Amino acid sequence: MSGQHKKRTYARNRTNLNRRGFEKNPEADSIFLLKLLLSVIAGSFWLKFFQPISFLGLSFGGFPIGTIVGILAVNRLEKRQTSRHIFYAVILIITILSYFVPAGIVL
């Protein structure tokens, strides 16, 4: 018997990859595209004001409600970190682009 002991592998230390390097439970493309579409819709949802509101010397023309809700939903519901980064980037880019487009709920 050798003097070296093998390290034990517990379930929490196991990787989600198989021996070839692929995920064991891949997400379907249709599910990913649906999540991507929902993140685009969330990023484009603004609460815009009829008259810009001035607060502490800054003028606000709208409030990005969809961005906040979308980021919280992605943070809470998405399990894969790489997908989370993609959804965060999509939400932020669409939020910036949709600020200049006349879309949203006007108060």
Protein backbone atom coordinates (compact mmCIF):
# COMPACT_ATOMS: atom_id res chain seq x y z
CA MET A 1 0.00 0.00 0.00
CA SER A 2 1.43 3.38 -0.94
CA GLY A 3 1.94 6.20 1.49
CA GLN A 4 -0.05 8.70 -0.59
CA HIS A 5 -3.76 9.12 -0.09
CA LYS A 6 -6.06 10.17 -2.89
CA LYS A 7 -8.09 13.30 -2.30
CA ARG A 8 -11.77 12.68 -1.94
CA THR A 9 -14.12 14.34 -4.37
CA TYR A 10 -17.32 15.56 -2.84
CA ALA A 11 -20.39 16.53 -4.83
CA ARG A 12 -19.95 20.24 -4.21
CA ASN A 13 -16.46 20.12 -5.72
CA ARG A 14 -17.49 18.35 -8.89
CA THR A 15 -17.63 20.33 -12.07
CA ASN A 16 -20.62 20.65 -14.38
CA LEU A 17 -18.48 19.57 -17.31
CA ASN A 18 -18.15 16.08 -18.66
CA ARG A 19 -14.83 14.52 -19.65
CA ARG A 20 -14.86 16.14 -23.08
CA GLY A 21 -15.34 19.61 -21.61
CA PHE A 22 -19.01 20.08 -22.51
CA GLU A 23 -21.78 20.96 -20.08
CA LYS A 24 -23.69 18.03 -18.67
CA ASN A 25 -27.04 19.85 -18.76
CA PRO A 26 -26.90 22.43 -21.57
CA GLU A 27 -29.62 25.04 -21.88
CA ALA A 28 -31.79 24.86 -25.00
CA ASP A 29 -31.20 27.60 -27.58
CA SER A 30 -34.88 28.54 -27.57
CA ILE A 31 -34.81 29.15 -23.81
CA PHE A 32 -31.69 31.31 -24.14
CA LEU A 33 -33.27 33.36 -26.95
CA LEU A 34 -36.45 33.82 -24.92
CA LYS A 35 -34.42 35.09 -21.96
CA LEU A 36 -32.48 37.38 -24.30
CA LEU A 37 -35.72 38.77 -25.76
CA LEU A 38 -37.13 39.37 -22.27
CA SER A 39 -33.95 41.20 -21.26
CA VAL A 40 -34.25 43.43 -24.37
CA ILE A 41 -37.86 44.22 -23.45
CA ALA A 42 -36.89 44.91 -19.84
CA GLY A 43 -34.07 47.23 -20.89
CA SER A 44 -36.36 49.25 -23.14
CA PHE A 45 -39.01 49.92 -20.48
CA TRP A 46 -38.76 53.51 -19.23
CA LEU A 47 -40.98 55.70 -17.09
CA LYS A 48 -40.63 59.03 -18.91
CA PHE A 49 -41.80 62.39 -17.59
CA PHE A 50 -43.78 64.95 -19.58
CA GLN A 51 -41.65 67.72 -18.06
CA PRO A 52 -38.07 66.90 -17.02
CA ILE A 53 -37.69 66.78 -13.25
CA SER A 54 -34.81 68.67 -11.63
CA PHE A 55 -33.27 67.05 -8.55
CA LEU A 56 -30.10 68.39 -6.89
CA GLY A 57 -29.26 70.36 -10.01
CA LEU A 58 -29.64 67.34 -12.32
CA SER A 59 -32.41 67.09 -14.87
CA PHE A 60 -34.14 63.72 -15.27
CA GLY A 61 -36.28 62.99 -18.32
CA GLY A 62 -37.14 59.47 -17.27
CA PHE A 63 -36.53 56.60 -14.88
CA PRO A 64 -35.33 53.16 -16.11
CA ILE A 65 -37.75 50.89 -14.25
CA GLY A 66 -37.22 47.97 -16.63
CA THR A 67 -33.46 48.10 -16.17
CA ILE A 68 -33.68 47.81 -12.42
CA VAL A 69 -36.27 45.03 -12.55
CA GLY A 70 -34.35 43.22 -15.32
CA ILE A 71 -31.01 43.31 -13.49
CA LEU A 72 -32.61 42.07 -10.28
CA ALA A 73 -34.41 39.27 -12.16
CA VAL A 74 -31.25 38.16 -13.97
CA ASN A 75 -29.28 38.24 -10.74
CA ARG A 76 -31.88 36.13 -8.96
CA LEU A 77 -32.93 33.67 -11.68
CA GLU A 78 -29.95 33.03 -13.97
CA LYS A 79 -27.64 30.25 -12.79
CA ARG A 80 -24.80 30.50 -15.32
CA GLN A 81 -22.36 33.33 -14.74
CA THR A 82 -21.46 33.77 -18.42
CA SER A 83 -25.13 34.08 -19.35
CA ARG A 84 -25.61 36.59 -16.53
CA HIS A 85 -22.84 38.78 -17.95
CA ILE A 86 -24.40 38.64 -21.41
CA PHE A 87 -27.84 39.59 -20.08
CA TYR A 88 -26.41 42.45 -18.00
CA ALA A 89 -24.63 43.85 -21.05
CA VAL A 90 -27.73 43.54 -23.25
CA ILE A 91 -29.94 45.24 -20.66
CA LEU A 92 -27.53 48.16 -20.21
CA ILE A 93 -26.96 48.70 -23.94
CA ILE A 94 -30.68 48.58 -24.72
CA THR A 95 -31.37 50.96 -21.81
CA ILE A 96 -28.92 53.51 -23.18
CA LEU A 97 -30.27 53.17 -26.72
CA SER A 98 -33.92 53.33 -25.68
CA TYR A 99 -33.36 56.54 -23.71
CA PHE A 100 -33.16 58.43 -27.00
CA VAL A 101 -36.13 56.66 -28.60
CA PRO A 102 -39.63 58.03 -27.93
CA ALA A 103 -40.83 54.87 -26.18
CA GLY A 104 -42.04 54.21 -22.66
CA ILE A 105 -44.82 55.30 -20.34
CA VAL A 106 -45.14 59.10 -20.21
CA LEU A 107 -46.31 60.77 -17.00
